[in-house]
Amino acid sequence: MQRRRVSRIPWVKQRGSKGWVVLFEGRDAAGKGGVIKAITEPLNPRVCRVTALPAPSDRERTQWYFQRYVAHLPSAGEMVLFDRSWYNRAGVERVMGFCSDDEYREFLRACPEFERMLIRSGITLIKYWFSVSDEEQEKRFKERINTPIKRWKFSPMDLQSRSRWVEYSRAKDDMFTYTDTEDCPWFVVDADDKRRARLNCISHLLGKVPYEAIHYEPITLPPIKTEGYERPPLTSQHFVPDVTAALESDKHGQ
C-alpha cells in the first residue's frame, strides 16, 4: 500500500492532468482528518494540498456561495483535498439554521450542475462520506474530552452534533437524494474502524488514478567541493540541548 501511495499520486503531476478535487465529508469524529493526513504525509505539498476553510466572513457571505471554494480549485497536475467543502450548506448550515430555506433549496438545485461544470472542465471530482455510528462517535468524543492532547479537537459544535443526531441524519439523506448523481456519486466509507477506513479509502482513491509507470532519469550526486573555504568552529554556534542522552541513561538505569 505504501509503495502504491507514493508512486501513483506523482503520476498526476507528471502527466499534467487538469487537476483532482477530493471531498471528505461526514459526521464529527468520523476520522476524515486522519485519512487526509495519511494521504498527504508522503506527498509533495506543492502538488497535493489540503483546504479546510473557516466560517465565511461578512464579505464572503455576500458572494456567490461557491465563489470562495472556486478560488481553491487545482491547476493542472495538482490535487486538492477538501476537509469539508461546499456541502457545509447541506449539513451544518441547514441543521443549525445558518442559512435560509431559500439558500438551502438553491444549493440543492445548483450543486449538481456546479459539479458537472467542474467535471466538464476536465477536473476529476471524487466525494467521500465517512459514516460512523452514534456509539462509536460517543466513544471518540469522550476520548477527546478526557485526553489532554486531544481536548482541543472538541468544540461546542460537537455537542450540537450529538444532540441533533436525527436532524443531521435527515440532512445527510436529503443531501444524497439531490447530489448522489451518476456524474458524481458519493462513496460511503464505513468509518467505525479507523484503520480499515483509511486503508479502504486510500485503496479506492488510488484505484481512480489511471496509473502508468513513471520513468525517472538516473541521478548521480556530484562530489562536494570544499577547497578554499574553512568553516568557523562549531563552538561558535548555539545548539539545542541533547535531552536524548539523559533519557537513554534513565532508560538503561531502570
Protein backbone atom coordinates (compact mmCIF):
# COMPACT_ATOMS: atom_id res chain seq x y z
CA MET A 1 0.00 0.00 0.00
CA GLN A 2 2.80 2.45 0.89
CA ARG A 3 4.58 1.90 -2.43
CA ARG A 4 1.37 2.37 -4.42
CA ARG A 5 0.54 5.52 -2.48
CA VAL A 6 3.95 7.06 -3.08
CA SER A 7 4.12 6.22 -6.78
CA ARG A 8 0.62 6.84 -8.10
CA ILE A 9 -0.10 10.36 -6.91
CA PRO A 10 3.07 11.85 -8.51
CA TRP A 11 1.73 10.44 -11.78
CA VAL A 12 -0.95 13.15 -11.61
CA LYS A 13 1.79 15.79 -11.58
CA GLN A 14 3.97 14.22 -14.28
CA ARG A 15 1.09 13.69 -16.70
CA GLY A 16 -0.13 17.25 -16.13
CA SER A 17 -3.78 16.23 -15.77
CA LYS A 18 -6.35 19.00 -15.35
CA GLY A 19 -6.47 18.61 -11.58
CA TRP A 20 -8.05 16.46 -8.90
CA VAL A 21 -10.54 17.50 -6.21
CA VAL A 22 -11.35 15.09 -3.40
CA LEU A 23 -14.04 15.96 -0.86
CA PHE A 24 -14.12 14.47 2.64
CA GLU A 25 -17.43 14.82 4.43
CA GLY A 26 -19.10 13.05 7.33
CA ARG A 27 -20.09 13.40 10.95
CA ASP A 28 -17.79 14.92 13.55
CA ALA A 29 -15.10 12.48 14.76
CA ALA A 30 -15.66 10.20 11.77
CA GLY A 31 -11.92 10.15 11.03
CA LYS A 32 -11.70 12.41 7.98
CA GLY A 33 -8.62 14.23 9.26
CA GLY A 34 -6.70 11.02 9.88
CA VAL A 35 -7.32 9.78 6.34
CA ILE A 36 -6.27 13.12 4.85
CA LYS A 37 -3.08 13.07 6.92
CA ALA A 38 -2.29 9.52 5.78
CA ILE A 39 -2.75 10.52 2.13
CA THR A 40 -0.68 13.70 2.25
CA GLU A 41 2.15 12.55 4.54
CA PRO A 42 4.44 11.14 1.81
CA LEU A 43 3.47 13.67 -0.87
CA ASN A 44 4.85 16.99 -2.06
CA PRO A 45 2.69 19.76 -0.50
CA ARG A 46 3.17 21.82 -3.66
CA VAL A 47 1.33 19.14 -5.61
CA CYS A 48 -1.18 17.85 -3.06
CA ARG A 49 -2.62 20.39 -0.63
CA VAL A 50 -5.38 20.42 1.96
CA THR A 51 -8.11 23.06 2.11
CA ALA A 52 -10.11 23.46 5.32
CA LEU A 53 -11.97 26.76 5.19
CA PRO A 54 -13.20 28.54 8.33
CA ALA A 55 -16.64 30.08 8.67
CA PRO A 56 -17.27 32.64 5.90
CA SER A 57 -16.55 36.29 6.60
CA ASP A 58 -19.17 39.01 6.31
CA ARG A 59 -17.83 39.82 2.84
CA GLU A 60 -17.87 36.19 1.71
CA ARG A 61 -21.49 35.85 2.83
CA THR A 62 -22.44 38.38 0.14
CA GLN A 63 -20.71 36.38 -2.62
CA TRP A 64 -22.00 33.60 -4.82
CA TYR A 65 -21.97 30.63 -2.47
CA PHE A 66 -19.42 28.56 -4.41
CA GLN A 67 -17.12 31.53 -5.04
CA ARG A 68 -14.70 31.05 -2.15
CA TYR A 69 -14.32 27.36 -2.95
CA VAL A 70 -13.56 28.06 -6.61
CA ALA A 71 -10.53 30.08 -5.50
CA HIS A 72 -9.01 26.88 -4.08
CA LEU A 73 -9.54 24.63 -7.10
CA PRO A 74 -6.39 22.96 -8.52
CA SER A 75 -4.38 23.84 -11.58
CA ALA A 76 -3.08 21.17 -13.95
CA GLY A 77 -1.10 18.48 -12.17
CA GLU A 78 -2.40 19.40 -8.71
CA MET A 79 -4.64 17.65 -6.19
CA VAL A 80 -6.73 19.45 -3.57
CA LEU A 81 -8.24 17.61 -0.61
CA PHE A 82 -11.19 19.47 0.93
CA ASP A 83 -11.58 18.77 4.65
CA ARG A 84 -15.26 19.66 4.48
CA SER A 85 -16.42 21.59 1.47
CA TRP A 86 -19.35 23.38 -0.13
CA TYR A 87 -21.52 20.68 1.41
CA ASN A 88 -21.45 22.64 4.67
CA ARG A 89 -24.61 24.29 3.37
CA ALA A 90 -26.45 20.97 3.18
CA GLY A 91 -25.15 19.86 6.59
CA VAL A 92 -24.22 22.12 9.47
CA GLU A 93 -25.69 25.30 7.93
CA ARG A 94 -29.01 23.56 7.29
CA VAL A 95 -29.25 21.91 10.72
CA MET A 96 -28.01 24.89 12.74
CA GLY A 97 -30.05 27.45 10.82
CA PHE A 98 -27.02 29.31 9.45
CA CYS A 99 -28.69 29.62 6.04
CA SER A 100 -32.24 30.39 4.96
CA ASP A 101 -34.61 27.86 3.40
CA ASP A 102 -34.27 29.63 0.06
CA GLU A 103 -30.46 29.46 0.22
CA TYR A 104 -30.64 25.76 1.09
CA ARG A 105 -33.03 24.92 -1.75
CA GLU A 106 -30.91 26.91 -4.21
CA PHE A 107 -27.85 24.95 -3.12
CA LEU A 108 -29.57 21.63 -3.81
CA ARG A 109 -30.52 22.87 -7.28
CA ALA A 110 -27.15 24.41 -8.11
CA CYS A 111 -24.72 21.92 -6.59
CA PRO A 112 -25.13 19.06 -9.12
CA GLU A 113 -24.75 21.48 -12.01
CA PHE A 114 -21.72 23.13 -10.38
CA GLU A 115 -20.07 19.73 -10.06
CA ARG A 116 -20.92 18.83 -13.65
CA MET A 117 -19.25 22.08 -14.73
CA LEU A 118 -16.08 21.07 -12.88
CA ILE A 119 -16.09 17.64 -14.48
CA ARG A 120 -16.74 19.04 -17.97
CA SER A 121 -13.75 21.34 -17.50
CA GLY A 122 -11.54 18.28 -17.03
CA ILE A 123 -11.29 18.24 -13.23
CA THR A 124 -11.59 14.83 -11.57
CA LEU A 125 -14.02 15.16 -8.64
CA ILE A 126 -14.35 12.43 -6.01
CA LYS A 127 -16.63 12.65 -2.95
CA TYR A 128 -16.26 10.55 0.22
CA TRP A 129 -18.75 10.36 3.05
CA PHE A 130 -17.36 8.90 6.30
CA SER A 131 -20.10 7.06 8.15
CA VAL A 132 -19.76 6.49 11.89
CA SER A 133 -22.28 5.01 14.33
CA ASP A 134 -23.61 7.01 17.27
CA GLU A 135 -21.94 4.57 19.70
CA GLU A 136 -18.52 4.99 18.08
CA GLN A 137 -18.89 8.78 17.86
CA GLU A 138 -19.73 8.94 21.57
CA LYS A 139 -16.64 6.85 22.35
CA ARG A 140 -14.41 9.17 20.32
CA PHE A 141 -15.94 12.31 21.83
CA LYS A 142 -15.27 11.00 25.35
CA GLU A 143 -11.69 10.22 24.36
CA ARG A 144 -11.27 13.79 23.11
CA ILE A 145 -12.68 15.22 26.32
CA ASN A 146 -10.54 13.06 28.62
CA THR A 147 -7.24 13.17 26.69
CA PRO A 148 -5.30 16.46 27.18
CA ILE A 149 -3.56 16.35 23.78
CA LYS A 150 -6.91 15.78 22.04
CA ARG A 151 -9.05 18.17 24.10
CA TRP A 152 -8.56 20.96 21.53
CA LYS A 153 -10.44 18.87 18.96
CA PHE A 154 -13.68 19.09 20.93
CA SER A 155 -15.84 22.14 20.24
CA PRO A 156 -19.29 23.40 21.24
CA MET A 157 -20.43 22.39 17.74
CA ASP A 158 -19.62 18.77 18.63
CA LEU A 159 -22.19 18.93 21.43
CA GLN A 160 -24.75 20.20 18.94
CA SER A 161 -23.96 17.35 16.56
CA ARG A 162 -24.74 14.85 19.33
CA SER A 163 -27.95 16.49 20.47
CA ARG A 164 -29.14 16.88 16.85
CA TRP A 165 -28.17 13.41 15.63
CA VAL A 166 -31.52 12.79 13.92
CA GLU A 167 -31.53 16.20 12.23
CA TYR A 168 -28.06 15.57 10.83
CA SER A 169 -29.18 12.14 9.61
CA ARG A 170 -32.13 13.68 7.81
CA ALA A 171 -29.93 16.40 6.30
CA LYS A 172 -27.45 13.81 5.03
CA ASP A 173 -30.21 11.68 3.48
CA ASP A 174 -31.76 14.71 1.75
CA MET A 175 -28.33 15.78 0.50
CA PHE A 176 -27.70 12.34 -1.02
CA THR A 177 -31.09 12.42 -2.72
CA TYR A 178 -30.09 15.50 -4.72
CA THR A 179 -26.31 15.19 -5.06
CA ASP A 180 -25.55 11.45 -5.32
CA THR A 181 -25.61 11.67 -9.10
CA GLU A 182 -24.43 9.39 -11.88
CA ASP A 183 -21.94 12.07 -12.95
CA CYS A 184 -20.51 12.50 -9.45
CA PRO A 185 -21.61 9.85 -6.94
CA TRP A 186 -20.92 9.74 -3.22
CA PHE A 187 -18.65 6.96 -1.99
CA VAL A 188 -19.50 5.93 1.57
CA VAL A 189 -16.68 4.80 3.86
CA ASP A 190 -17.57 2.67 6.89
CA ALA A 191 -15.51 4.55 9.49
CA ASP A 192 -16.23 2.74 12.76
CA ASP A 193 -12.79 1.12 12.43
CA LYS A 194 -10.33 3.93 11.70
CA ARG A 195 -7.54 1.73 10.35
CA ARG A 196 -9.83 -0.12 7.95
CA ALA A 197 -11.45 3.15 6.88
CA ARG A 198 -8.08 4.67 6.00
CA LEU A 199 -6.89 1.63 4.05
CA ASN A 200 -10.19 1.24 2.20
CA CYS A 201 -10.43 4.93 1.29
CA ILE A 202 -6.80 5.19 0.14
CA SER A 203 -7.12 1.98 -1.89
CA HIS A 204 -10.29 3.28 -3.56
CA LEU A 205 -8.71 6.66 -4.34
CA LEU A 206 -5.63 5.04 -5.86
CA GLY A 207 -7.89 2.85 -7.97
CA LYS A 208 -9.29 6.02 -9.54
CA VAL A 209 -5.85 7.09 -10.78
CA PRO A 210 -5.23 5.77 -14.34
CA TYR A 211 -1.67 4.96 -13.38
CA GLU A 212 1.22 4.19 -15.69
CA ALA A 213 4.78 3.55 -14.55
CA ILE A 214 6.83 6.73 -14.21
CA HIS A 215 10.25 6.79 -15.81
CA TYR A 216 12.83 8.70 -13.83
CA GLU A 217 16.17 9.65 -15.35
CA PRO A 218 19.13 8.33 -13.32
CA ILE A 219 20.64 10.87 -10.94
CA THR A 220 24.28 10.96 -9.85
CA LEU A 221 25.13 13.13 -6.86
CA PRO A 222 28.09 15.42 -7.55
CA PRO A 223 31.01 15.47 -5.11
CA ILE A 224 31.20 18.30 -2.58
CA LYS A 225 33.98 20.76 -3.29
CA THR A 226 35.47 22.20 -0.12
CA GLU A 227 38.68 23.72 -1.40
CA GLY A 228 39.39 27.32 -0.44
CA TYR A 229 36.97 27.63 2.45
CA GLU A 230 37.42 26.95 6.16
CA ARG A 231 34.25 26.83 8.21
CA PRO A 232 34.06 28.51 11.64
CA PRO A 233 34.36 26.27 14.72
CA LEU A 234 31.21 24.58 15.99
CA THR A 235 31.79 26.13 19.41
CA SER A 236 30.70 29.48 17.93
CA GLN A 237 27.13 28.20 17.39
CA HIS A 238 24.23 27.75 19.80
CA PHE A 239 22.99 24.15 19.72
CA VAL A 240 19.72 22.78 21.05
CA PRO A 241 20.45 20.73 24.20
CA ASP A 242 20.54 16.98 23.61
CA VAL A 243 17.93 15.60 26.01
CA THR A 244 18.00 12.15 24.41
CA ALA A 245 21.24 11.24 26.18
CA ALA A 246 19.61 11.75 29.58
CA LEU A 247 16.53 9.81 28.51
CA GLU A 248 18.65 6.91 27.31
CA SER A 249 20.62 6.97 30.58
CA ASP A 250 17.42 6.84 32.64
CA LYS A 251 16.09 4.03 30.47
CA HIS A 252 19.20 1.89 30.94
CA GLY A 253 19.31 2.76 34.64
CA GLN A 254 15.84 1.30 35.12
